[in-house]
N, C-alpha and C. Protein backbone atom coordinates (compact mmCIF):
# COMPACT_ATOMS: atom_id res chain seq x y z
N UNK A 1 6.07 1.18 6.02
CA UNK A 1 5.65 1.04 4.63
C UNK A 1 4.20 0.55 4.60
N UNK A 2 3.95 -0.47 5.38
CA UNK A 2 2.59 -0.99 5.39
C UNK A 2 1.57 0.02 5.95
N UNK A 3 2.06 0.83 6.91
CA UNK A 3 1.22 1.85 7.47
C UNK A 3 0.77 2.85 6.38
N UNK A 4 1.67 3.24 5.50
CA UNK A 4 1.32 4.17 4.42
C UNK A 4 0.36 3.55 3.46
N UNK A 5 0.51 2.27 3.18
CA UNK A 5 -0.40 1.54 2.28
C UNK A 5 -1.80 1.57 2.87
N UNK A 6 -1.91 1.30 4.17
CA UNK A 6 -3.24 1.31 4.78
C UNK A 6 -3.82 2.69 4.84
N UNK A 7 -3.02 3.73 5.04
CA UNK A 7 -3.50 5.10 5.04
C UNK A 7 -4.07 5.45 3.70
N UNK A 8 -3.30 5.16 2.63
CA UNK A 8 -3.82 5.48 1.28
C UNK A 8 -5.04 4.67 0.94
N UNK A 9 -5.15 3.44 1.40
CA UNK A 9 -6.35 2.64 1.21
C UNK A 9 -7.57 3.27 1.87
N UNK A 10 -7.40 3.75 3.07
CA UNK A 10 -8.46 4.40 3.77
C UNK A 10 -8.88 5.72 3.04
N UNK A 11 -7.90 6.47 2.57
CA UNK A 11 -8.18 7.64 1.80
C UNK A 11 -8.99 7.30 0.54
N UNK A 12 -8.61 6.23 -0.09
CA UNK A 12 -9.31 5.77 -1.31
C UNK A 12 -10.77 5.38 -0.97
N UNK A 13 -10.97 4.76 0.14
CA UNK A 13 -12.34 4.35 0.52
C UNK A 13 -13.23 5.59 0.85
N UNK A 14 -12.64 6.50 1.58
CA UNK A 14 -13.36 7.73 1.91
C UNK A 14 -13.69 8.52 0.63
N UNK A 15 -12.73 8.65 -0.24
CA UNK A 15 -12.95 9.39 -1.49
C UNK A 15 -13.99 8.68 -2.34
N UNK A 16 -14.00 7.37 -2.33
CA UNK A 16 -14.99 6.63 -3.15
C UNK A 16 -16.38 6.83 -2.56
N UNK A 17 -16.53 6.85 -1.26
CA UNK A 17 -17.84 7.04 -0.61
C UNK A 17 -18.36 8.47 -0.91
N UNK A 18 -17.47 9.44 -0.94
CA UNK A 18 -17.84 10.80 -1.18
C UNK A 18 -18.02 11.16 -2.69
N UNK A 19 -17.64 10.21 -3.53
CA UNK A 19 -17.87 10.38 -4.95
C UNK A 19 -16.71 11.01 -5.70
N UNK A 20 -15.54 11.06 -5.13
CA UNK A 20 -14.38 11.57 -5.83
C UNK A 20 -13.63 10.42 -6.49
N UNK A 21 -14.09 10.00 -7.64
CA UNK A 21 -13.55 8.82 -8.28
C UNK A 21 -12.11 8.94 -8.73
N UNK A 22 -11.72 10.10 -9.16
CA UNK A 22 -10.32 10.31 -9.59
C UNK A 22 -9.36 10.18 -8.43
N UNK A 23 -9.67 10.78 -7.32
CA UNK A 23 -8.82 10.73 -6.11
C UNK A 23 -8.83 9.33 -5.55
N UNK A 24 -9.98 8.68 -5.59
CA UNK A 24 -10.04 7.33 -5.08
C UNK A 24 -9.19 6.35 -5.91
N UNK A 25 -9.26 6.53 -7.19
CA UNK A 25 -8.44 5.66 -8.05
C UNK A 25 -6.96 5.88 -7.85
N UNK A 26 -6.55 7.10 -7.73
CA UNK A 26 -5.13 7.43 -7.53
C UNK A 26 -4.64 6.92 -6.21
N UNK A 27 -5.47 7.10 -5.13
CA UNK A 27 -5.02 6.63 -3.82
C UNK A 27 -5.00 5.13 -3.73
N UNK A 28 -5.92 4.45 -4.44
CA UNK A 28 -5.86 2.98 -4.41
C UNK A 28 -4.66 2.47 -5.18
N UNK A 29 -4.28 3.13 -6.26
CA UNK A 29 -3.09 2.72 -6.95
C UNK A 29 -1.80 2.95 -6.12
N UNK A 30 -1.73 4.04 -5.43
CA UNK A 30 -0.61 4.29 -4.55
C UNK A 30 -0.55 3.25 -3.43
N UNK A 31 -1.72 2.95 -2.82
CA UNK A 31 -1.77 1.94 -1.76
C UNK A 31 -1.30 0.55 -2.29
N UNK A 32 -1.71 0.20 -3.50
CA UNK A 32 -1.32 -1.07 -4.09
C UNK A 32 0.18 -1.16 -4.32
N UNK A 33 0.77 -0.09 -4.84
CA UNK A 33 2.20 -0.03 -5.08
C UNK A 33 2.97 -0.12 -3.77
N UNK A 34 2.54 0.63 -2.78
CA UNK A 34 3.24 0.59 -1.47
C UNK A 34 3.13 -0.78 -0.84
N UNK A 35 2.01 -1.45 -0.98
CA UNK A 35 1.82 -2.78 -0.44
C UNK A 35 2.77 -3.80 -1.11
N UNK A 36 2.90 -3.69 -2.44
CA UNK A 36 3.81 -4.58 -3.15
C UNK A 36 5.27 -4.34 -2.75
N UNK A 37 5.63 -3.08 -2.54
CA UNK A 37 6.99 -2.76 -2.11
C UNK A 37 7.22 -3.35 -0.71
N UNK A 38 6.19 -3.21 0.16
CA UNK A 38 6.30 -3.81 1.52
C UNK A 38 6.50 -5.31 1.43
N UNK A 39 5.75 -5.98 0.56
CA UNK A 39 5.90 -7.44 0.46
C UNK A 39 7.31 -7.84 -0.08
N UNK A 40 7.79 -7.12 -1.05
CA UNK A 40 9.08 -7.44 -1.62
C UNK A 40 10.18 -7.21 -0.56
N UNK A 41 10.13 -6.10 0.16
CA UNK A 41 11.11 -5.85 1.18
C UNK A 41 10.99 -6.86 2.33
N UNK A 42 9.79 -7.24 2.67
CA UNK A 42 9.63 -8.25 3.71
C UNK A 42 10.20 -9.61 3.34
N UNK A 43 9.99 -10.03 2.09
CA UNK A 43 10.58 -11.30 1.67
C UNK A 43 12.10 -11.23 1.60
N UNK A 44 12.63 -10.12 1.16
CA UNK A 44 14.10 -9.94 1.13
C UNK A 44 14.64 -10.00 2.50
N UNK A 45 13.99 -9.31 3.46
CA UNK A 45 14.54 -9.35 4.81
C UNK A 45 14.43 -10.71 5.47
N UNK A 46 13.36 -11.48 5.14
CA UNK A 46 13.31 -12.83 5.63
C UNK A 46 14.38 -13.71 5.06
N UNK A 47 14.67 -13.62 3.80
CA UNK A 47 15.72 -14.41 3.18
C UNK A 47 17.10 -14.02 3.69
N UNK A 48 17.34 -12.77 3.90
CA UNK A 48 18.64 -12.33 4.40
C UNK A 48 18.85 -12.78 5.87
N UNK A 49 17.79 -12.81 6.65
CA UNK A 49 17.88 -13.21 8.02
C UNK A 49 18.23 -14.67 8.21
N UNK A 50 17.87 -15.52 7.22
CA UNK A 50 18.14 -16.95 7.33
C UNK A 50 19.56 -17.32 6.89
N UNK A 51 20.32 -16.45 6.36
CA UNK A 51 21.66 -16.75 5.88
C UNK A 51 22.72 -16.52 6.93
N UNK A 52 22.36 -16.43 8.15
CA UNK A 52 23.32 -16.18 9.22
C UNK A 52 24.22 -17.32 9.44
């Protein structure tokens, strides 16, 4: 999940440098959502692992 967030962030950076503002905005939003999902799933897995 974090890998996909980083990939979309790089796509957003490249699109921003090339001047494609619409694509850069969309890719950065997707990267942000994937990063938040990664954080939530990471916290849930840490909490579940401590209940053994």
